[in-house]
Amino acid sequence: MIDALKLWLHGFPRVGVTKDWAVRAESHGFAGVLLADSETLVADPYVELAIASTATRNLELGVAVTNPITRHPAVTAAAIASVHAECGGRGVLGIGRGDSALRQLHLQPASVSVLQQAIVDLRRFLGGDETYRGGARSTVAPLSWLPPGLSHVPVDVAATGPKVIATGAVYADRLTFNLGADVDRLKWAIAHARHARSDAGLDPSAMSLGAYVDVACAPVAAATAMVRGSASIFANLLAEGMRAGVPVSDQDASVLRAVGGAYDANQHGQSGAVQAQLLSDDFLTRFALCGTPAMILDRVLELRELGLDRLVIVPASRDIDDATTEASVAAFARGVLSRL
């Protein structure tokens, strides 16, 4: 038996599909599910989470990730708090600077300062503690309608660059890295987060840390094809993070520069997108978890040793058919998740 490492499943909110998908995730043994928030590409995640809550019992239910631009923090707080209350305290709120939800509207991601204030305000709206971390203070009041005794909704920051990692480490409840599955890069991120907490007078070890990882459980060639489009999303984020100081190898840097320069938001997450085609199989087998259950389990064990509390499994690109994706998820559940 491996020490506790919670595995979550990421997906896209889809009308008429999400509820059954969540039920399968719970039956597979995932600790929680997270739904993307990108209004022009997928359905509303809060609606779909509420529906999924009616068919699940213990599965944690969250958004990954929203942003402070398309939704005001007060509106976001009310939405996730409603889900949280309806499902008996299983809600989680993932937030970041923003990606496809903004780029599809020709808007730019939020600045780090805007994100920071949004995190502080969200924690206050959701009934969080009054601790003014790093000197930041919220002037907003908690939602007046929150049921008494309802637990606090954890605010989880999706982070790639050093400034967002530090912001999430100091001001949020949880921090989940968008850096791929590279052990050395995640070691750097964990150290950076803990250093930021220490500088802010917070316990560097007292924060829940996780990582988003693309995963395909299938023969290697088929697996890399499954994650190519999805991995291009995270590779583009890492390209931005690299320019902000995230350490990457020379080998990866050349790939990331090419992806960042060619990225077409109109083909976001698509396997055939020009940016996806720039990702070699060699890059994908390092950046993602691709292959047989035994191969993936070995790499999950490496990630567990870093001190991560959870991995968020991103199972396939947006244009991969449901049957192929579900077969991969089921194989992962049997051969990897069952060992956790």
C-alpha atoms as a PDB file:
ATOM      1  CA  MET A   1       0.000   0.000   0.000  1.00  0.00           C
ATOM      2  CA  ILE A   2       1.394   3.388  -1.038  1.00  0.00           C
ATOM      3  CA  ASP A   3       1.192   6.368   1.330  1.00  0.00           C
ATOM      4  CA  ALA A   4      -1.778   8.648   0.720  1.00  0.00           C
ATOM      5  CA  LEU A   5      -1.744  10.535  -2.557  1.00  0.00           C
ATOM      6  CA  LYS A   6      -5.110  11.745  -3.745  1.00  0.00           C
ATOM      7  CA  LEU A   7      -5.853  11.511  -7.433  1.00  0.00           C
ATOM      8  CA  TRP A   8      -8.372  13.821  -9.056  1.00  0.00           C
ATOM      9  CA  LEU A   9      -9.832  13.680 -12.550  1.00  0.00           C
ATOM     10  CA  HIS A  10     -10.113  16.746 -14.765  1.00  0.00           C
ATOM     11  CA  GLY A  11     -12.796  17.049 -17.423  1.00  0.00           C
ATOM     12  CA  PHE A  12     -14.969  19.340 -19.498  1.00  0.00           C
ATOM     13  CA  PRO A  13     -18.522  20.237 -18.402  1.00  0.00           C
ATOM     14  CA  ARG A  14     -20.903  18.785 -20.965  1.00  0.00           C
ATOM     15  CA  VAL A  15     -24.674  18.911 -20.889  1.00  0.00           C
ATOM     16  CA  GLY A  16     -26.173  15.460 -20.408  1.00  0.00           C
ATOM     17  CA  VAL A  17     -22.749  13.849 -19.918  1.00  0.00           C
ATOM     18  CA  THR A  18     -21.123  15.252 -16.783  1.00  0.00           C
ATOM     19  CA  LYS A  19     -23.294  13.499 -14.204  1.00  0.00           C
ATOM     20  CA  ASP A  20     -22.566   9.984 -15.481  1.00  0.00           C
ATOM     21  CA  TRP A  21     -18.903  10.891 -15.964  1.00  0.00           C
ATOM     22  CA  ALA A  22     -18.689  11.964 -12.309  1.00  0.00           C
ATOM     23  CA  VAL A  23     -20.388   8.758 -11.179  1.00  0.00           C
ATOM     24  CA  ARG A  24     -17.796   6.710 -13.069  1.00  0.00           C
ATOM     25  CA  ALA A  25     -14.982   8.791 -11.570  1.00  0.00           C
ATOM     26  CA  GLU A  26     -16.260   8.058  -8.083  1.00  0.00           C
ATOM     27  CA  SER A  27     -16.638   4.357  -8.844  1.00  0.00           C
ATOM     28  CA  HIS A  28     -13.040   4.288 -10.129  1.00  0.00           C
ATOM     29  CA  GLY A  29     -11.865   5.679  -6.795  1.00  0.00           C
ATOM     30  CA  PHE A  30     -10.882   9.234  -7.707  1.00  0.00           C
ATOM     31  CA  ALA A  31     -10.953  11.631  -4.755  1.00  0.00           C
ATOM     32  CA  GLY A  32     -12.528  14.433  -6.751  1.00  0.00           C
ATOM     33  CA  VAL A  33     -13.312  15.874 -10.158  1.00  0.00           C
ATOM     34  CA  LEU A  34     -12.526  19.287 -11.585  1.00  0.00           C
ATOM     35  CA  LEU A  35     -14.341  20.927 -14.494  1.00  0.00           C
ATOM     36  CA  ALA A  36     -12.896  23.511 -16.858  1.00  0.00           C
ATOM     37  CA  ASP A  37     -14.372  27.021 -16.958  1.00  0.00           C
ATOM     38  CA  SER A  38     -14.261  28.311 -20.535  1.00  0.00           C
ATOM     39  CA  GLU A  39     -17.614  29.733 -21.559  1.00  0.00           C
ATOM     40  CA  THR A  40     -17.270  29.569 -25.338  1.00  0.00           C
ATOM     41  CA  LEU A  41     -15.828  26.050 -25.409  1.00  0.00           C
ATOM     42  CA  VAL A  42     -17.738  24.121 -22.738  1.00  0.00           C
ATOM     43  CA  ALA A  43     -20.918  24.276 -20.664  1.00  0.00           C
ATOM     44  CA  ASP A  44     -21.145  26.053 -17.310  1.00  0.00           C
ATOM     45  CA  PRO A  45     -19.114  24.133 -14.698  1.00  0.00           C
ATOM     46  CA  TYR A  46     -21.148  25.207 -11.673  1.00  0.00           C
ATOM     47  CA  VAL A  47     -24.411  23.980 -13.181  1.00  0.00           C
ATOM     48  CA  GLU A  48     -22.816  20.679 -14.135  1.00  0.00           C
ATOM     49  CA  LEU A  49     -21.169  20.272 -10.716  1.00  0.00           C
ATOM     50  CA  ALA A  50     -24.504  20.814  -8.994  1.00  0.00           C
ATOM     51  CA  ILE A  51     -26.081  18.134 -11.186  1.00  0.00           C
ATOM     52  CA  ALA A  52     -23.170  15.771 -10.535  1.00  0.00           C
ATOM     53  CA  SER A  53     -23.566  16.311  -6.799  1.00  0.00           C
ATOM     54  CA  THR A  54     -26.989  14.686  -6.898  1.00  0.00           C
ATOM     55  CA  ALA A  55     -25.523  11.394  -8.153  1.00  0.00           C
ATOM     56  CA  THR A  56     -22.314  11.195  -6.058  1.00  0.00           C
ATOM     57  CA  ARG A  57     -21.743  10.750  -2.343  1.00  0.00           C
ATOM     58  CA  ASN A  58     -18.122  11.381  -1.416  1.00  0.00           C
ATOM     59  CA  LEU A  59     -16.545  12.808  -4.571  1.00  0.00           C
ATOM     60  CA  GLU A  60     -15.127  16.307  -4.139  1.00  0.00           C
ATOM     61  CA  LEU A  61     -16.376  18.691  -6.819  1.00  0.00           C
ATOM     62  CA  GLY A  62     -14.486  21.673  -8.165  1.00  0.00           C
ATOM     63  CA  VAL A  63     -13.738  24.124 -10.939  1.00  0.00           C
ATOM     64  CA  ALA A  64     -10.318  24.173 -12.610  1.00  0.00           C
ATOM     65  CA  VAL A  65      -9.832  26.797 -13.339  1.00  0.00           C
ATOM     66  CA  THR A  66     -11.798  29.986 -13.252  1.00  0.00           C
ATOM     67  CA  ASN A  67     -10.351  33.497 -13.405  1.00  0.00           C
ATOM     68  CA  PRO A  68     -11.095  36.926 -11.869  1.00  0.00           C
ATOM     69  CA  ILE A  69     -11.938  38.612 -15.191  1.00  0.00           C
ATOM     70  CA  THR A  70     -14.878  36.791 -16.782  1.00  0.00           C
ATOM     71  CA  ARG A  71     -16.495  36.298 -13.357  1.00  0.00           C
ATOM     72  CA  HIS A  72     -16.362  38.834 -10.536  1.00  0.00           C
ATOM     73  CA  PRO A  73     -15.037  37.180  -7.351  1.00  0.00           C
ATOM     74  CA  ALA A  74     -18.374  37.758  -5.605  1.00  0.00           C
ATOM     75  CA  VAL A  75     -20.219  35.922  -8.384  1.00  0.00           C
ATOM     76  CA  THR A  76     -17.653  33.112  -8.324  1.00  0.00           C
ATOM     77  CA  ALA A  77     -17.942  32.819  -4.558  1.00  0.00           C
ATOM     78  CA  ALA A  78     -21.736  32.598  -4.688  1.00  0.00           C
ATOM     79  CA  ALA A  79     -21.578  29.944  -7.421  1.00  0.00           C
ATOM     80  CA  ILE A  80     -19.095  27.614  -5.732  1.00  0.00           C
ATOM     81  CA  ALA A  81     -20.639  28.173  -2.302  1.00  0.00           C
ATOM     82  CA  SER A  82     -24.005  27.090  -3.724  1.00  0.00           C
ATOM     83  CA  VAL A  83     -22.445  23.883  -5.055  1.00  0.00           C
ATOM     84  CA  HIS A  84     -20.634  23.393  -1.742  1.00  0.00           C
ATOM     85  CA  ALA A  85     -23.818  23.765   0.272  1.00  0.00           C
ATOM     86  CA  GLU A  86     -25.895  21.529  -2.009  1.00  0.00           C
ATOM     87  CA  CYS A  87     -23.358  18.691  -1.959  1.00  0.00           C
ATOM     88  CA  GLY A  88     -22.682  18.717   1.770  1.00  0.00           C
ATOM     89  CA  GLY A  89     -19.332  20.492   1.801  1.00  0.00           C
ATOM     90  CA  ARG A  90     -17.524  18.847  -1.112  1.00  0.00           C
ATOM     91  CA  GLY A  91     -16.777  21.964  -3.180  1.00  0.00           C
ATOM     92  CA  VAL A  92     -13.351  23.246  -4.256  1.00  0.00           C
ATOM     93  CA  LEU A  93     -12.546  26.422  -6.176  1.00  0.00           C
ATOM     94  CA  GLY A  94      -9.626  26.446  -8.596  1.00  0.00           C
ATOM     95  CA  ILE A  95      -8.546  29.847  -9.891  1.00  0.00           C
ATOM     96  CA  GLY A  96      -5.714  31.216 -11.996  1.00  0.00           C
ATOM     97  CA  ARG A  97      -4.829  34.179 -14.182  1.00  0.00           C
ATOM     98  CA  GLY A  98      -6.970  32.791 -17.005  1.00  0.00           C
ATOM     99  CA  ASP A  99      -6.322  31.147 -20.339  1.00  0.00           C
ATOM    100  CA  SER A 100      -8.885  30.025 -22.936  1.00  0.00           C
ATOM    101  CA  ALA A 101     -11.840  31.692 -21.183  1.00  0.00           C
ATOM    102  CA  LEU A 102     -10.105  35.024 -21.771  1.00  0.00           C
ATOM    103  CA  ARG A 103      -8.223  34.432 -25.006  1.00  0.00           C
ATOM    104  CA  GLN A 104     -11.384  33.280 -26.782  1.00  0.00           C
ATOM    105  CA  LEU A 105     -12.833  36.711 -25.934  1.00  0.00           C
ATOM    106  CA  HIS A 106      -9.640  38.515 -26.994  1.00  0.00           C
ATOM    107  CA  LEU A 107      -8.887  39.431 -23.378  1.00  0.00           C
ATOM    108  CA  GLN A 108      -5.577  39.158 -21.557  1.00  0.00           C
ATOM    109  CA  PRO A 109      -4.933  37.087 -18.431  1.00  0.00           C
ATOM    110  CA  ALA A 110      -5.285  38.864 -15.105  1.00  0.00           C
ATOM    111  CA  SER A 111      -2.220  40.503 -13.639  1.00  0.00           C
ATOM    112  CA  VAL A 112      -0.665  38.870 -10.603  1.00  0.00           C
ATOM    113  CA  SER A 113      -1.873  41.736  -8.403  1.00  0.00           C
ATOM    114  CA  VAL A 114      -5.457  41.341  -9.628  1.00  0.00           C
ATOM    115  CA  LEU A 115      -5.269  37.599  -9.026  1.00  0.00           C
ATOM    116  CA  GLN A 116      -3.859  38.146  -5.547  1.00  0.00           C
ATOM    117  CA  GLN A 117      -6.670  40.491  -4.518  1.00  0.00           C
ATOM    118  CA  ALA A 118      -9.234  38.113  -5.999  1.00  0.00           C
ATOM    119  CA  ILE A 119      -7.853  35.254  -3.887  1.00  0.00           C
ATOM    120  CA  VAL A 120      -7.964  37.361  -0.744  1.00  0.00           C
ATOM    121  CA  ASP A 121     -11.518  38.507  -1.466  1.00  0.00           C
ATOM    122  CA  LEU A 122     -12.705  35.023  -2.397  1.00  0.00           C
ATOM    123  CA  ARG A 123     -11.458  33.565   0.863  1.00  0.00           C
ATOM    124  CA  ARG A 124     -13.286  36.342   2.718  1.00  0.00           C
ATOM    125  CA  PHE A 125     -16.505  35.946   0.685  1.00  0.00           C
ATOM    126  CA  LEU A 126     -16.406  32.226   1.424  1.00  0.00           C
ATOM    127  CA  GLY A 127     -16.084  32.733   5.156  1.00  0.00           C
ATOM    128  CA  GLY A 128     -12.356  32.188   5.438  1.00  0.00           C
ATOM    129  CA  ASP A 129     -10.201  33.305   8.341  1.00  0.00           C
ATOM    130  CA  GLU A 130      -9.253  36.909   9.028  1.00  0.00           C
ATOM    131  CA  THR A 131      -5.521  36.332   8.697  1.00  0.00           C
ATOM    132  CA  TYR A 132      -3.973  39.090   6.584  1.00  0.00           C
ATOM    133  CA  ARG A 133      -1.352  37.024   4.847  1.00  0.00           C
ATOM    134  CA  GLY A 134       1.576  38.995   3.553  1.00  0.00           C
ATOM    135  CA  GLY A 135      -0.108  42.230   4.607  1.00  0.00           C
ATOM    136  CA  ALA A 136      -3.052  41.763   2.211  1.00  0.00           C
ATOM    137  CA  ARG A 137      -6.466  42.630   3.571  1.00  0.00           C
ATOM    138  CA  SER A 138      -9.949  42.205   2.146  1.00  0.00           C
ATOM    139  CA  THR A 139     -12.627  44.839   2.655  1.00  0.00           C
ATOM    140  CA  VAL A 140     -15.483  42.582   1.526  1.00  0.00           C
ATOM    141  CA  ALA A 141     -17.908  40.778   3.818  1.00  0.00           C
ATOM    142  CA  PRO A 142     -18.655  37.054   3.788  1.00  0.00           C
ATOM    143  CA  LEU A 143     -21.694  35.944   1.806  1.00  0.00           C
ATOM    144  CA  SER A 144     -24.635  36.663   4.113  1.00  0.00           C
ATOM    145  CA  TRP A 145     -26.627  33.603   3.059  1.00  0.00           C
ATOM    146  CA  LEU A 146     -24.026  30.950   3.846  1.00  0.00           C
ATOM    147  CA  PRO A 147     -25.650  28.193   5.949  1.00  0.00           C
ATOM    148  CA  PRO A 148     -24.312  28.161   9.524  1.00  0.00           C
ATOM    149  CA  GLY A 149     -21.683  25.544  10.124  1.00  0.00           C
ATOM    150  CA  LEU A 150     -20.822  25.103   6.450  1.00  0.00           C
ATOM    151  CA  SER A 151     -17.138  24.347   5.991  1.00  0.00           C
ATOM    152  CA  HIS A 152     -14.892  26.775   4.137  1.00  0.00           C
ATOM    153  CA  VAL A 153     -14.492  26.193   0.389  1.00  0.00           C
ATOM    154  CA  PRO A 154     -10.777  25.686  -0.298  1.00  0.00           C
ATOM    155  CA  VAL A 155      -9.339  28.154  -2.814  1.00  0.00           C
ATOM    156  CA  ASP A 156      -6.788  26.376  -5.004  1.00  0.00           C
ATOM    157  CA  VAL A 157      -4.470  28.431  -7.232  1.00  0.00           C
ATOM    158  CA  ALA A 158      -3.269  26.972 -10.527  1.00  0.00           C
ATOM    159  CA  ALA A 159       0.290  28.235 -10.925  1.00  0.00           C
ATOM    160  CA  THR A 160       3.110  28.096 -13.448  1.00  0.00           C
ATOM    161  CA  GLY A 161       5.345  31.162 -13.123  1.00  0.00           C
ATOM    162  CA  PRO A 162       7.319  32.082  -9.996  1.00  0.00           C
ATOM    163  CA  LYS A 163       5.162  35.100  -9.097  1.00  0.00           C
ATOM    164  CA  VAL A 164       1.897  33.169  -9.259  1.00  0.00           C
ATOM    165  CA  ILE A 165       3.438  30.256  -7.350  1.00  0.00           C
ATOM    166  CA  ALA A 166       4.493  32.651  -4.578  1.00  0.00           C
ATOM    167  CA  THR A 167       1.099  34.369  -4.586  1.00  0.00           C
ATOM    168  CA  GLY A 168      -0.782  31.101  -4.325  1.00  0.00           C
ATOM    169  CA  ALA A 169       1.551  29.799  -1.640  1.00  0.00           C
ATOM    170  CA  VAL A 170       0.954  32.833   0.566  1.00  0.00           C
ATOM    171  CA  TYR A 171      -2.687  33.734  -0.031  1.00  0.00           C
ATOM    172  CA  ALA A 172      -4.568  30.574  -1.047  1.00  0.00           C
ATOM    173  CA  ASP A 173      -5.569  27.376   0.718  1.00  0.00           C
ATOM    174  CA  ARG A 174      -4.093  25.081  -1.904  1.00  0.00           C
ATOM    175  CA  LEU A 175      -1.588  25.319  -4.747  1.00  0.00           C
ATOM    176  CA  THR A 176      -1.556  23.148  -7.876  1.00  0.00           C
ATOM    177  CA  PHE A 177       1.309  23.428 -10.348  1.00  0.00           C
ATOM    178  CA  ASN A 178       0.932  23.641 -14.156  1.00  0.00           C
ATOM    179  CA  LEU A 179       4.429  22.409 -14.944  1.00  0.00           C
ATOM    180  CA  GLY A 180       4.040  18.968 -16.437  1.00  0.00           C
ATOM    181  CA  ALA A 181       5.355  15.791 -14.830  1.00  0.00           C
ATOM    182  CA  ASP A 182       9.064  16.687 -14.771  1.00  0.00           C
ATOM    183  CA  VAL A 183      10.422  15.829 -11.314  1.00  0.00           C
ATOM    184  CA  ASP A 184      13.195  18.425 -11.246  1.00  0.00           C
ATOM    185  CA  ARG A 185      10.864  21.237 -12.321  1.00  0.00           C
ATOM    186  CA  LEU A 186       8.347  20.281  -9.646  1.00  0.00           C
ATOM    187  CA  LYS A 187      11.112  20.130  -7.035  1.00  0.00           C
ATOM    188  CA  TRP A 188      11.984  23.715  -7.941  1.00  0.00           C
ATOM    189  CA  ALA A 189       8.323  24.790  -7.704  1.00  0.00           C
ATOM    190  CA  ILE A 190       7.803  23.158  -4.313  1.00  0.00           C
ATOM    191  CA  ALA A 191      10.950  24.797  -2.934  1.00  0.00           C
ATOM    192  CA  HIS A 192       9.889  28.160  -4.366  1.00  0.00           C
ATOM    193  CA  ALA A 193       6.426  27.889  -2.799  1.00  0.00           C
ATOM    194  CA  ARG A 194       7.788  26.923   0.592  1.00  0.00           C
ATOM    195  CA  HIS A 195      10.343  29.724   0.502  1.00  0.00           C
ATOM    196  CA  ALA A 196       7.563  32.240  -0.247  1.00  0.00           C
ATOM    197  CA  ARG A 197       5.550  30.977   2.705  1.00  0.00           C
ATOM    198  CA  SER A 198       8.544  31.158   5.005  1.00  0.00           C
ATOM    199  CA  ASP A 199       9.245  34.742   3.918  1.00  0.00           C
ATOM    200  CA  ALA A 200       5.609  35.615   4.728  1.00  0.00           C
ATOM    201  CA  GLY A 201       5.893  34.143   8.225  1.00  0.00           C
ATOM    202  CA  LEU A 202       3.831  31.063   7.368  1.00  0.00           C
ATOM    203  CA  ASP A 203       4.649  27.424   8.004  1.00  0.00           C
ATOM    204  CA  PRO A 204       6.323  26.287   4.753  1.00  0.00           C
ATOM    205  CA  SER A 205       5.114  22.713   5.185  1.00  0.00           C
ATOM    206  CA  ALA A 206       1.500  23.513   6.071  1.00  0.00           C
ATOM    207  CA  MET A 207       0.004  23.853   2.611  1.00  0.00           C
ATOM    208  CA  SER A 208      -1.624  21.359   0.309  1.00  0.00           C
ATOM    209  CA  LEU A 209       0.365  21.025  -2.943  1.00  0.00           C
ATOM    210  CA  GLY A 210      -0.614  19.290  -6.152  1.00  0.00           C
ATOM    211  CA  ALA A 211       0.168  19.086  -9.848  1.00  0.00           C
ATOM    212  CA  TYR A 212      -1.784  18.857 -13.082  1.00  0.00           C
ATOM    213  CA  VAL A 213      -0.459  16.015 -15.247  1.00  0.00           C
ATOM    214  CA  ASP A 214      -1.547  14.788 -18.658  1.00  0.00           C
ATOM    215  CA  VAL A 215      -2.090  11.027 -18.480  1.00  0.00           C
ATOM    216  CA  ALA A 216      -2.864   8.374 -21.083  1.00  0.00           C
ATOM    217  CA  CYS A 217      -2.823   4.715 -20.121  1.00  0.00           C
ATOM    218  CA  ALA A 218      -2.239   2.874 -23.406  1.00  0.00           C
ATOM    219  CA  PRO A 219       0.662   1.737 -25.595  1.00  0.00           C
ATOM    220  CA  VAL A 220       3.087   4.648 -25.823  1.00  0.00           C
ATOM    221  CA  ALA A 221       2.344   5.679 -29.410  1.00  0.00           C
ATOM    222  CA  ALA A 222      -1.406   5.709 -28.797  1.00  0.00           C
ATOM    223  CA  ALA A 223      -0.938   7.440 -25.445  1.00  0.00           C
ATOM    224  CA  THR A 224       1.088  10.344 -26.835  1.00  0.00           C
ATOM    225  CA  ALA A 225      -1.532  10.832 -29.544  1.00  0.00           C
ATOM    226  CA  MET A 226      -4.235  11.040 -26.876  1.00  0.00           C
ATOM    227  CA  VAL A 227      -2.578  13.788 -24.831  1.00  0.00           C
ATOM    228  CA  ARG A 228      -0.980  15.834 -27.605  1.00  0.00           C
ATOM    229  CA  GLY A 229      -3.643  18.554 -27.781  1.00  0.00           C
ATOM    230  CA  SER A 230      -4.112  18.810 -24.025  1.00  0.00           C
ATOM    231  CA  ALA A 231      -0.369  18.844 -23.404  1.00  0.00           C
ATOM    232  CA  SER A 232      -0.021  21.739 -25.837  1.00  0.00           C
ATOM    233  CA  ILE A 233      -2.184  23.843 -23.466  1.00  0.00           C
ATOM    234  CA  PHE A 234       0.131  23.225 -20.539  1.00  0.00           C
ATOM    235  CA  ALA A 235       3.216  23.558 -22.736  1.00  0.00           C
ATOM    236  CA  ASN A 236       2.046  27.014 -23.799  1.00  0.00           C
ATOM    237  CA  LEU A 237       1.560  27.992 -20.161  1.00  0.00           C
ATOM    238  CA  LEU A 238       5.026  26.673 -19.394  1.00  0.00           C
ATOM    239  CA  ALA A 239       6.442  28.667 -22.305  1.00  0.00           C
ATOM    240  CA  GLU A 240       5.113  31.795 -20.599  1.00  0.00           C
ATOM    241  CA  GLY A 241       6.450  30.582 -17.257  1.00  0.00           C
ATOM    242  CA  MET A 242       9.867  29.925 -18.794  1.00  0.00           C
ATOM    243  CA  ARG A 243      10.071  33.558 -19.851  1.00  0.00           C
ATOM    244  CA  ALA A 244       9.232  34.513 -16.263  1.00  0.00           C
ATOM    245  CA  GLY A 245      11.974  32.368 -14.773  1.00  0.00           C
ATOM    246  CA  VAL A 246      10.773  28.766 -14.560  1.00  0.00           C
ATOM    247  CA  PRO A 247      13.843  26.566 -15.078  1.00  0.00           C
ATOM    248  CA  VAL A 248      13.693  24.233 -18.083  1.00  0.00           C
ATOM    249  CA  SER A 249      16.280  22.162 -19.904  1.00  0.00           C
ATOM    250  CA  ASP A 250      17.737  23.399 -23.168  1.00  0.00           C
ATOM    251  CA  GLN A 251      16.009  20.481 -24.885  1.00  0.00           C
ATOM    252  CA  ASP A 252      12.588  21.523 -23.593  1.00  0.00           C
ATOM    253  CA  ALA A 253      13.221  25.240 -24.043  1.00  0.00           C
ATOM    254  CA  SER A 254      13.448  24.953 -27.829  1.00  0.00           C
ATOM    255  CA  VAL A 255      10.145  23.048 -27.974  1.00  0.00           C
ATOM    256  CA  LEU A 256       8.408  25.488 -25.654  1.00  0.00           C
ATOM    257  CA  ARG A 257       9.575  28.522 -27.614  1.00  0.00           C
ATOM    258  CA  ALA A 258       8.164  26.983 -30.776  1.00  0.00           C
ATOM    259  CA  VAL A 259       4.824  26.201 -29.110  1.00  0.00           C
ATOM    260  CA  GLY A 260       4.546  29.663 -27.605  1.00  0.00           C
ATOM    261  CA  GLY A 261       5.292  31.324 -30.903  1.00  0.00           C
ATOM    262  CA  ALA A 262       2.815  29.239 -32.888  1.00  0.00           C
ATOM    263  CA  TYR A 263      -0.060  28.939 -30.431  1.00  0.00           C
ATOM    264  CA  ASP A 264      -3.475  29.334 -32.074  1.00  0.00           C
ATOM    265  CA  ALA A 265      -6.219  29.921 -29.493  1.00  0.00           C
ATOM    266  CA  ASN A 266      -8.843  28.923 -32.064  1.00  0.00           C
ATOM    267  CA  GLN A 267      -7.453  25.364 -31.906  1.00  0.00           C
ATOM    268  CA  HIS A 268      -7.132  25.282 -28.118  1.00  0.00           C
ATOM    269  CA  GLY A 269      -6.648  21.734 -26.881  1.00  0.00           C
ATOM    270  CA  GLN A 270      -7.003  20.135 -30.311  1.00  0.00           C
ATOM    271  CA  SER A 271      -4.697  17.290 -31.330  1.00  0.00           C
ATOM    272  CA  GLY A 272      -4.323  18.593 -34.875  1.00  0.00           C
ATOM    273  CA  ALA A 273      -3.481  22.144 -33.846  1.00  0.00           C
ATOM    274  CA  VAL A 274      -0.207  23.520 -35.142  1.00  0.00           C
ATOM    275  CA  GLN A 275       1.079  23.924 -31.570  1.00  0.00           C
ATOM    276  CA  ALA A 276       0.197  20.323 -30.736  1.00  0.00           C
ATOM    277  CA  GLN A 277       2.041  19.010 -33.772  1.00  0.00           C
ATOM    278  CA  LEU A 278       5.198  20.753 -32.571  1.00  0.00           C
ATOM    279  CA  LEU A 279       5.343  18.443 -29.545  1.00  0.00           C
ATOM    280  CA  SER A 280       7.553  15.486 -30.304  1.00  0.00           C
ATOM    281  CA  ASP A 281       6.822  12.048 -28.869  1.00  0.00           C
ATOM    282  CA  ASP A 282      10.048  12.346 -26.888  1.00  0.00           C
ATOM    283  CA  PHE A 283       8.863  15.595 -25.285  1.00  0.00           C
ATOM    284  CA  LEU A 284       5.433  14.132 -24.548  1.00  0.00           C
ATOM    285  CA  THR A 285       6.793  11.043 -22.826  1.00  0.00           C
ATOM    286  CA  ARG A 286       8.722  13.319 -20.455  1.00  0.00           C
ATOM    287  CA  PHE A 287       6.119  16.049 -20.031  1.00  0.00           C
ATOM    288  CA  ALA A 288       3.134  13.701 -19.609  1.00  0.00           C
ATOM    289  CA  LEU A 289       2.538  10.255 -18.133  1.00  0.00           C
ATOM    290  CA  CYS A 290       2.128   7.983 -21.137  1.00  0.00           C
ATOM    291  CA  GLY A 291       2.277   4.227 -21.405  1.00  0.00           C
ATOM    292  CA  THR A 292       1.287   1.053 -19.624  1.00  0.00           C
ATOM    293  CA  PRO A 293      -0.024   1.053 -16.033  1.00  0.00           C
ATOM    294  CA  ALA A 294       3.344  -0.211 -14.761  1.00  0.00           C
ATOM    295  CA  MET A 295       5.214   2.587 -16.536  1.00  0.00           C
ATOM    296  CA  ILE A 296       2.840   5.237 -15.212  1.00  0.00           C
ATOM    297  CA  LEU A 297       2.841   3.834 -11.669  1.00  0.00           C
ATOM    298  CA  ASP A 298       6.634   4.133 -11.477  1.00  0.00           C
ATOM    299  CA  ARG A 299       6.421   7.807 -12.389  1.00  0.00           C
ATOM    300  CA  VAL A 300       3.524   8.470 -10.010  1.00  0.00           C
ATOM    301  CA  LEU A 301       5.666   7.038  -7.212  1.00  0.00           C
ATOM    302  CA  GLU A 302       8.440   9.472  -8.155  1.00  0.00           C
ATOM    303  CA  LEU A 303       5.992  12.374  -7.954  1.00  0.00           C
ATOM    304  CA  ARG A 304       4.624  11.151  -4.634  1.00  0.00           C
ATOM    305  CA  GLU A 305       8.123  11.242  -3.175  1.00  0.00           C
ATOM    306  CA  LEU A 306       8.251  14.994  -3.815  1.00  0.00           C
ATOM    307  CA  GLY A 307       5.675  15.552  -1.085  1.00  0.00           C
ATOM    308  CA  LEU A 308       2.698  16.325  -3.306  1.00  0.00           C
ATOM    309  CA  ASP A 309      -0.719  15.731  -1.779  1.00  0.00           C
ATOM    310  CA  ARG A 310      -2.552  15.185  -5.056  1.00  0.00           C
ATOM    311  CA  LEU A 311      -2.271  14.778  -8.784  1.00  0.00           C
ATOM    312  CA  VAL A 312      -4.953  16.112 -11.096  1.00  0.00           C
ATOM    313  CA  ILE A 313      -5.210  13.676 -13.984  1.00  0.00           C
ATOM    314  CA  VAL A 314      -5.944  15.324 -17.338  1.00  0.00           C
ATOM    315  CA  PRO A 315      -6.879  12.274 -19.404  1.00  0.00           C
ATOM    316  CA  ALA A 316      -7.044  13.316 -23.055  1.00  0.00           C
ATOM    317  CA  SER A 317      -7.326  16.128 -25.565  1.00  0.00           C
ATOM    318  CA  ARG A 318     -10.693  17.735 -26.270  1.00  0.00           C
ATOM    319  CA  ASP A 319     -11.110  16.007 -29.621  1.00  0.00           C
ATOM    320  CA  ILE A 320     -10.437  12.429 -28.457  1.00  0.00           C
ATOM    321  CA  ASP A 321     -13.574  10.298 -28.538  1.00  0.00           C
ATOM    322  CA  ASP A 322     -15.278   9.353 -25.273  1.00  0.00           C
ATOM    323  CA  ALA A 323     -14.748   5.609 -25.607  1.00  0.00           C
ATOM    324  CA  THR A 324     -10.984   5.970 -26.053  1.00  0.00           C
ATOM    325  CA  THR A 325     -10.705   8.378 -23.133  1.00  0.00           C
ATOM    326  CA  GLU A 326     -12.800   6.212 -20.829  1.00  0.00           C
ATOM    327  CA  ALA A 327     -10.797   3.098 -21.709  1.00  0.00           C
ATOM    328  CA  SER A 328      -7.611   4.922 -20.730  1.00  0.00           C
ATOM    329  CA  VAL A 329      -9.127   6.203 -17.488  1.00  0.00           C
ATOM    330  CA  ALA A 330     -10.416   2.732 -16.610  1.00  0.00           C
ATOM    331  CA  ALA A 331      -7.004   1.178 -17.289  1.00  0.00           C
ATOM    332  CA  PHE A 332      -5.383   3.855 -15.132  1.00  0.00           C
ATOM    333  CA  ALA A 333      -7.864   3.168 -12.330  1.00  0.00           C
ATOM    334  CA  ARG A 334      -7.212  -0.582 -12.425  1.00  0.00           C
ATOM    335  CA  GLY A 335      -3.463  -0.441 -12.773  1.00  0.00           C
ATOM    336  CA  VAL A 336      -2.449   2.721 -10.910  1.00  0.00           C
ATOM    337  CA  LEU A 337      -5.238   4.197  -8.803  1.00  0.00           C
ATOM    338  CA  SER A 338      -6.005   0.831  -7.185  1.00  0.00           C
ATOM    339  CA  ARG A 339      -2.444   0.825  -5.826  1.00  0.00           C
ATOM    340  CA  LEU A 340      -2.972   4.154  -4.089  1.00  0.00           C
END
